[in-house]
N, C-alpha and C. Protein backbone atom coordinates (compact mmCIF):
# COMPACT_ATOMS: atom_id res chain seq x y z
N MET A 1 -22.80 15.97 -15.08
CA MET A 1 -22.12 15.40 -15.82
C MET A 1 -22.05 13.58 -16.07
N ASN A 2 -21.88 13.31 -17.05
CA ASN A 2 -21.87 11.81 -17.26
C ASN A 2 -20.47 11.46 -17.69
N GLN A 3 -20.28 10.63 -16.57
CA GLN A 3 -19.15 9.87 -16.55
C GLN A 3 -19.23 7.89 -17.45
N SER A 4 -18.30 8.66 -18.23
CA SER A 4 -18.21 7.24 -19.13
C SER A 4 -17.04 6.68 -18.60
N THR A 5 -16.13 6.63 -17.94
CA THR A 5 -15.24 5.73 -17.57
C THR A 5 -15.17 6.05 -15.76
N PRO A 6 -14.66 4.72 -15.79
CA PRO A 6 -14.35 4.57 -13.76
C PRO A 6 -13.62 5.39 -13.24
N ILE A 7 -13.78 5.62 -11.82
CA ILE A 7 -13.17 6.28 -11.50
C ILE A 7 -11.74 5.51 -10.75
N ILE A 8 -10.37 6.02 -11.29
CA ILE A 8 -9.34 4.70 -11.10
C ILE A 8 -8.32 5.70 -10.23
N ASN A 9 -8.04 5.23 -9.12
CA ASN A 9 -7.24 5.90 -8.29
C ASN A 9 -5.74 5.21 -8.16
N HIS A 10 -4.89 5.17 -8.53
CA HIS A 10 -3.45 4.49 -8.47
C HIS A 10 -2.23 5.72 -7.50
N PHE A 11 -2.16 4.70 -6.30
CA PHE A 11 -1.12 5.64 -4.97
C PHE A 11 -0.11 4.57 -5.51
N ILE A 12 0.99 5.16 -5.06
CA ILE A 12 2.49 4.07 -4.59
C ILE A 12 2.96 4.97 -3.78
N ALA A 13 3.97 4.15 -2.73
CA ALA A 13 4.39 4.96 -2.04
C ALA A 13 5.94 3.79 -1.87
N SER A 14 6.73 4.27 -0.98
CA SER A 14 7.95 3.68 -1.08
C SER A 14 8.89 4.27 0.30
N PHE A 15 9.58 3.30 1.04
CA PHE A 15 10.62 3.93 2.32
C PHE A 15 11.08 2.84 2.64
N ASN A 16 12.30 3.38 3.25
CA ASN A 16 13.83 2.22 3.96
C ASN A 16 12.92 2.13 5.68
N VAL A 17 13.44 1.30 5.69
CA VAL A 17 12.89 0.70 7.27
C VAL A 17 13.96 0.42 7.74
N ILE A 18 13.99 1.34 9.06
CA ILE A 18 15.80 1.69 9.80
C ILE A 18 15.94 0.24 10.64
N ASP A 19 14.81 -0.12 11.08
CA ASP A 19 15.31 -1.38 12.08
C ASP A 19 14.21 -2.83 11.13
N PHE A 20 14.94 -3.14 10.01
CA PHE A 20 13.77 -3.76 9.09
C PHE A 20 13.55 -5.03 9.89
N LYS A 21 12.52 -5.86 9.85
CA LYS A 21 12.07 -7.55 9.78
C LYS A 21 11.01 -7.76 9.11
N ASP A 22 11.72 -9.09 8.26
CA ASP A 22 10.78 -8.73 7.34
C ASP A 22 9.75 -10.29 7.88
N SER A 23 8.81 -9.43 8.15
CA SER A 23 7.54 -10.22 8.99
C SER A 23 6.23 -10.07 8.05
N LEU A 24 5.50 -11.36 8.21
CA LEU A 24 4.34 -11.29 7.43
C LEU A 24 2.99 -10.45 8.44
N ILE A 25 3.53 -10.43 9.76
CA ILE A 25 2.89 -9.85 10.43
C ILE A 25 2.55 -8.51 10.63
N VAL A 26 3.86 -7.85 10.75
CA VAL A 26 4.01 -6.52 10.41
C VAL A 26 3.77 -6.13 9.15
N LEU A 27 3.80 -6.61 8.06
CA LEU A 27 3.20 -6.31 6.61
C LEU A 27 1.49 -6.16 6.82
N ASP A 28 1.10 -7.14 7.52
CA ASP A 28 -0.34 -8.00 7.62
C ASP A 28 -0.88 -6.67 7.94
N ASP A 29 -0.23 -6.09 9.63
CA ASP A 29 -0.78 -5.03 10.38
C ASP A 29 -0.84 -3.64 9.86
N LEU A 30 0.66 -3.19 8.79
CA LEU A 30 0.60 -1.98 7.80
C LEU A 30 -0.67 -1.92 7.20
N GLY A 31 -1.31 -3.12 5.97
CA GLY A 31 -2.05 -3.23 5.28
C GLY A 31 -3.23 -3.37 5.69
N THR A 32 -3.19 -4.02 6.90
CA THR A 32 -4.74 -3.56 7.65
C THR A 32 -5.08 -2.37 7.80
N SER A 33 -4.07 -1.87 8.78
CA SER A 33 -4.51 -0.37 9.12
C SER A 33 -4.65 0.86 8.43
N LEU A 34 -3.77 1.02 7.18
CA LEU A 34 -4.02 1.83 5.80
C LEU A 34 -5.24 1.41 5.34
N CYS A 35 -6.05 -0.04 5.19
CA CYS A 35 -7.37 -0.01 4.60
C CYS A 35 -8.02 0.43 5.16
N LYS A 36 -8.24 0.02 6.87
CA LYS A 36 -9.35 0.78 7.69
C LYS A 36 -9.05 2.23 7.84
N LEU A 37 -7.91 2.74 7.50
CA LEU A 37 -8.02 4.46 8.09
C LEU A 37 -8.54 5.26 6.40
N LEU A 38 -8.48 4.37 5.42
CA LEU A 38 -8.96 4.73 4.21
C LEU A 38 -10.13 3.97 4.21
N ASN A 39 -10.96 3.27 4.83
CA ASN A 39 -12.64 2.84 4.49
C ASN A 39 -12.59 2.32 3.26
N LEU A 40 -11.42 1.10 3.40
CA LEU A 40 -11.10 -0.21 2.62
C LEU A 40 -11.52 -1.14 3.04
N LYS A 41 -12.66 -2.23 2.13
CA LYS A 41 -12.69 -3.08 2.91
C LYS A 41 -12.39 -4.49 2.37
N ILE A 42 -11.45 -5.15 2.99
CA ILE A 42 -10.58 -6.32 2.96
C ILE A 42 -11.43 -7.32 2.48
N VAL A 43 -11.36 -7.98 1.24
CA VAL A 43 -11.92 -9.06 0.63
C VAL A 43 -11.23 -10.32 1.16
N GLN A 44 -9.67 -10.32 1.02
CA GLN A 44 -9.09 -11.31 0.80
C GLN A 44 -7.81 -11.05 1.07
N ARG A 45 -6.67 -11.74 1.56
CA ARG A 45 -5.64 -11.55 1.80
C ARG A 45 -4.92 -12.66 1.24
N SER A 46 -3.60 -12.59 0.35
CA SER A 46 -2.78 -13.23 -0.29
C SER A 46 -0.88 -13.03 0.13
N HIS A 47 -0.02 -14.43 -0.11
CA HIS A 47 1.19 -13.97 0.12
C HIS A 47 2.09 -14.39 -0.82
N HIS A 48 3.22 -14.51 -0.95
CA HIS A 48 4.43 -15.04 -1.67
C HIS A 48 5.39 -14.44 -0.65
N GLU A 49 6.37 -15.80 -0.14
CA GLU A 49 8.18 -15.14 0.08
C GLU A 49 8.83 -15.99 -0.61
N TYR A 50 9.58 -14.96 -1.08
CA TYR A 50 10.78 -15.27 -1.96
C TYR A 50 11.82 -15.51 -1.42
N GLY A 51 12.48 -17.09 -1.86
CA GLY A 51 13.63 -17.28 -0.95
C GLY A 51 14.96 -16.61 -1.80
N PRO A 52 15.95 -16.43 -0.87
CA PRO A 52 16.06 -16.60 0.52
C PRO A 52 15.27 -15.47 1.27
N ILE A 53 14.83 -14.00 0.98
CA ILE A 53 14.22 -13.19 1.54
C ILE A 53 13.43 -12.26 0.79
N GLY A 54 12.53 -11.75 1.22
CA GLY A 54 11.58 -10.77 0.26
C GLY A 54 10.06 -11.21 0.64
N LYS A 55 9.33 -10.80 0.85
CA LYS A 55 7.73 -10.76 0.76
C LYS A 55 6.89 -9.63 -0.09
N THR A 56 6.13 -10.47 -0.78
CA THR A 56 4.94 -9.65 -1.41
C THR A 56 3.81 -10.15 -0.57
N LEU A 57 2.83 -9.15 -0.06
CA LEU A 57 1.28 -9.44 0.90
C LEU A 57 0.34 -8.76 -0.50
N VAL A 58 -0.40 -9.20 -0.95
CA VAL A 58 -1.79 -8.37 -1.61
C VAL A 58 -3.22 -9.04 -0.59
N PHE A 59 -4.04 -7.21 -0.35
CA PHE A 59 -4.84 -7.12 0.15
C PHE A 59 -6.08 -7.02 -0.91
N ILE A 60 -6.90 -8.36 -1.49
CA ILE A 60 -7.79 -7.90 -2.32
C ILE A 60 -8.79 -7.14 -1.82
N ILE A 61 -9.26 -5.63 -2.13
CA ILE A 61 -10.29 -4.95 -1.61
C ILE A 61 -11.05 -4.78 -2.44
N SER A 62 -12.33 -4.62 -2.03
CA SER A 62 -13.98 -4.49 -2.49
C SER A 62 -13.78 -3.85 -3.78
N THR A 63 -12.64 -2.85 -3.83
CA THR A 63 -12.54 -2.29 -4.79
C THR A 63 -11.18 -2.03 -5.69
N SER A 64 -10.81 -2.57 -5.62
CA SER A 64 -9.67 -3.61 -6.03
C SER A 64 -8.51 -4.00 -5.43
N HIS A 65 -7.32 -3.89 -5.29
CA HIS A 65 -5.96 -4.23 -4.46
C HIS A 65 -4.91 -2.99 -3.95
N LEU A 66 -4.31 -3.58 -2.80
CA LEU A 66 -3.08 -3.13 -2.25
C LEU A 66 -2.15 -3.87 -2.12
N ALA A 67 -0.78 -4.00 -2.66
CA ALA A 67 0.27 -4.70 -2.76
C ALA A 67 1.23 -4.36 -1.90
N ILE A 68 2.00 -4.95 -1.04
CA ILE A 68 3.04 -4.59 -0.20
C ILE A 68 4.18 -5.49 -0.42
N HIS A 69 5.43 -5.12 -1.33
CA HIS A 69 6.47 -5.98 -1.64
C HIS A 69 7.38 -5.49 -0.16
N THR A 70 8.58 -6.33 -0.07
CA THR A 70 9.39 -5.98 0.41
C THR A 70 10.89 -6.28 -0.43
N TRP A 71 11.86 -5.95 0.32
CA TRP A 71 13.43 -6.03 -0.37
C TRP A 71 14.37 -5.66 0.87
N PRO A 72 14.32 -7.04 1.81
CA PRO A 72 14.76 -6.75 3.17
C PRO A 72 16.58 -6.13 2.95
N GLU A 73 17.04 -7.00 2.23
CA GLU A 73 18.58 -6.79 1.46
C GLU A 73 18.82 -5.01 1.27
N TYR A 74 17.81 -4.30 1.15
CA TYR A 74 17.97 -2.71 0.95
C TYR A 74 17.07 -2.15 2.02
N LYS A 75 16.26 -2.80 2.80
CA LYS A 75 15.28 -2.51 4.18
C LYS A 75 14.34 -1.06 3.51
N TYR A 76 13.95 -1.84 2.29
CA TYR A 76 12.96 -1.22 1.97
C TYR A 76 11.56 -2.26 1.33
N ILE A 77 10.54 -1.18 1.33
CA ILE A 77 9.11 -1.14 1.07
C ILE A 77 8.33 -0.44 0.08
N HIS A 78 7.80 -0.96 -0.78
CA HIS A 78 6.96 -0.63 -2.05
C HIS A 78 5.51 -0.93 -1.14
N LEU A 79 4.75 0.27 -1.57
CA LEU A 79 3.35 -0.05 -1.45
C LEU A 79 2.56 0.36 -2.95
N ASP A 80 1.56 -0.06 -3.55
CA ASP A 80 0.98 -0.02 -4.48
C ASP A 80 -0.49 -0.17 -4.17
N LEU A 81 -1.36 0.73 -4.43
CA LEU A 81 -2.83 0.67 -4.32
C LEU A 81 -3.74 1.38 -5.48
N LEU A 82 -4.61 0.75 -5.78
CA LEU A 82 -5.69 0.71 -7.05
C LEU A 82 -6.86 0.75 -5.91
N THR A 83 -7.21 1.48 -6.34
CA THR A 83 -8.63 1.49 -6.18
C THR A 83 -9.77 2.45 -6.87
N CYS A 84 -11.34 2.19 -7.16
CA CYS A 84 -12.08 3.07 -7.47
C CYS A 84 -12.74 3.66 -6.59
N SER A 85 -12.44 3.85 -5.25
CA SER A 85 -12.67 4.87 -4.55
C SER A 85 -12.46 6.15 -4.73
N LYS A 86 -13.01 7.00 -4.56
CA LYS A 86 -12.31 8.32 -4.34
C LYS A 86 -11.76 8.92 -3.64
N LEU A 87 -10.61 8.77 -3.71
CA LEU A 87 -9.51 9.68 -2.68
C LEU A 87 -8.45 10.21 -3.67
N GLU A 88 -8.29 11.14 -2.17
CA GLU A 88 -7.08 12.02 -2.82
C GLU A 88 -5.86 11.50 -2.42
N LEU A 89 -4.46 12.10 -3.18
CA LEU A 89 -3.35 11.68 -2.57
C LEU A 89 -3.02 12.38 -1.22
N SER A 90 -3.51 13.27 -0.73
CA SER A 90 -3.29 13.39 0.56
C SER A 90 -3.47 12.65 1.53
N GLN A 91 -5.00 12.42 1.19
CA GLN A 91 -5.68 11.20 2.54
C GLN A 91 -4.87 9.88 2.08
N PHE A 92 -4.69 9.48 0.91
CA PHE A 92 -3.60 8.48 0.98
C PHE A 92 -1.63 8.27 2.31
N GLU A 93 -1.62 9.67 1.62
CA GLU A 93 0.24 10.04 2.33
C GLU A 93 -0.74 10.11 4.14
N GLN A 94 -1.36 10.77 4.42
CA GLN A 94 -1.93 10.84 5.42
C GLN A 94 -2.13 9.25 6.61
N ALA A 95 -3.08 8.84 5.80
CA ALA A 95 -3.16 7.11 6.40
C ALA A 95 -2.18 6.39 6.54
N LEU A 96 -1.66 6.48 5.29
CA LEU A 96 0.20 5.52 5.53
C LEU A 96 0.62 6.31 6.45
N LYS A 97 1.08 7.66 6.78
CA LYS A 97 1.85 7.80 8.01
C LYS A 97 1.27 7.16 9.51
N ALA A 98 0.25 7.81 9.62
CA ALA A 98 -0.75 7.20 10.45
C ALA A 98 -0.10 5.68 10.69
N SER A 99 -0.57 5.23 9.70
CA SER A 99 -0.15 3.15 9.67
C SER A 99 0.96 2.91 10.25
N LEU A 100 1.85 4.03 9.66
CA LEU A 100 3.68 3.53 9.87
C LEU A 100 4.13 3.94 11.46
N ILE A 101 3.36 4.80 12.59
CA ILE A 101 3.71 5.71 13.45
C ILE A 101 4.69 4.57 14.22
N GLU A 102 4.07 3.33 14.20
CA GLU A 102 5.11 2.84 15.48
C GLU A 102 6.68 2.04 14.55
N ILE A 103 6.65 2.10 13.41
CA ILE A 103 7.68 1.87 12.19
C ILE A 103 8.67 3.23 12.22
N GLN A 104 9.96 2.56 12.28
CA GLN A 104 10.96 3.73 12.26
C GLN A 104 11.53 3.90 10.94
N ILE A 105 11.01 4.78 10.02
CA ILE A 105 10.97 4.83 8.23
C ILE A 105 12.21 5.98 8.24
N GLU A 106 12.68 6.02 6.86
CA GLU A 106 13.25 7.10 6.31
C GLU A 106 12.92 7.07 4.59
N ASN A 107 12.87 8.30 4.28
CA ASN A 107 13.00 8.56 2.67
C ASN A 107 11.60 8.02 2.08
N LEU A 108 10.66 8.52 2.57
CA LEU A 108 9.26 8.42 2.19
C LEU A 108 9.00 9.03 0.98
N LYS A 109 8.43 8.57 0.33
CA LYS A 109 7.80 9.07 -1.64
C LYS A 109 6.44 8.53 -1.42
N PHE A 110 5.77 9.56 -2.12
CA PHE A 110 4.43 8.91 -2.49
C PHE A 110 4.25 9.80 -3.86
N ARG A 111 3.49 9.24 -4.17
CA ARG A 111 3.03 9.20 -6.20
C ARG A 111 1.91 8.84 -6.35
N GLN A 112 0.89 9.82 -6.77
CA GLN A 112 -0.29 9.35 -7.69
C GLN A 112 -0.27 9.04 -8.96
N ILE A 113 -0.45 7.74 -9.94
CA ILE A 113 -0.03 7.32 -10.99
C ILE A 113 -1.92 8.18 -11.40
N GLU A 114 -1.53 8.72 -12.36
CA GLU A 114 -2.60 8.94 -13.83
C GLU A 114 -3.00 8.18 -14.44
N SER A 115 -4.31 7.87 -14.58
CA SER A 115 -5.20 6.81 -15.06
C SER A 115 -4.86 7.42 -16.30
N LEU A 116 -4.99 5.87 -17.10
CA LEU A 116 -5.12 6.30 -18.72
C LEU A 116 -6.38 6.92 -19.49
N ASN A 117 -7.31 6.83 -18.55
CA ASN A 117 -8.52 7.06 -18.88
C ASN A 117 -8.84 8.79 -18.65
N GLN A 118 -7.93 9.53 -17.92
CA GLN A 118 -7.95 10.57 -17.57
C GLN A 118 -7.72 11.82 -18.72
C-alpha cells in the first residue's frame, strides 16, 4: 500500500483533580511520564503561567507535541497529544492512567480526533 499522507494521531484527555496543585513540577512529571511510557522523545519544554492562576506546559516531541493546560478554578486539566507515531487510543489511555497513578482524579475522559487526511 502506498501511503500518500502522513500518519497523524491526535488524542485528547480531560479530568478533574481532587486535591489540585497548580504546580509546574506536577505537570512536568505527568508529561514526562506519559512521553516515556509511549516512547516519545522529548526535544524541548516550554510553559506559560496565566495571571493570576493557570498554566500551560508544552512538550515538543520528536514527532510533534504534547500540551497540558490547567484551569485551577475548576480543578481541571486538559491534555492534547499530536504525534506521527503509530499509536492507538488504548495505548494513550493506558499510559495516561499509569502516569496519573499518584494523582487522585475523577471524570477522566479520552478521545481520538480523526485526522482530516483519513
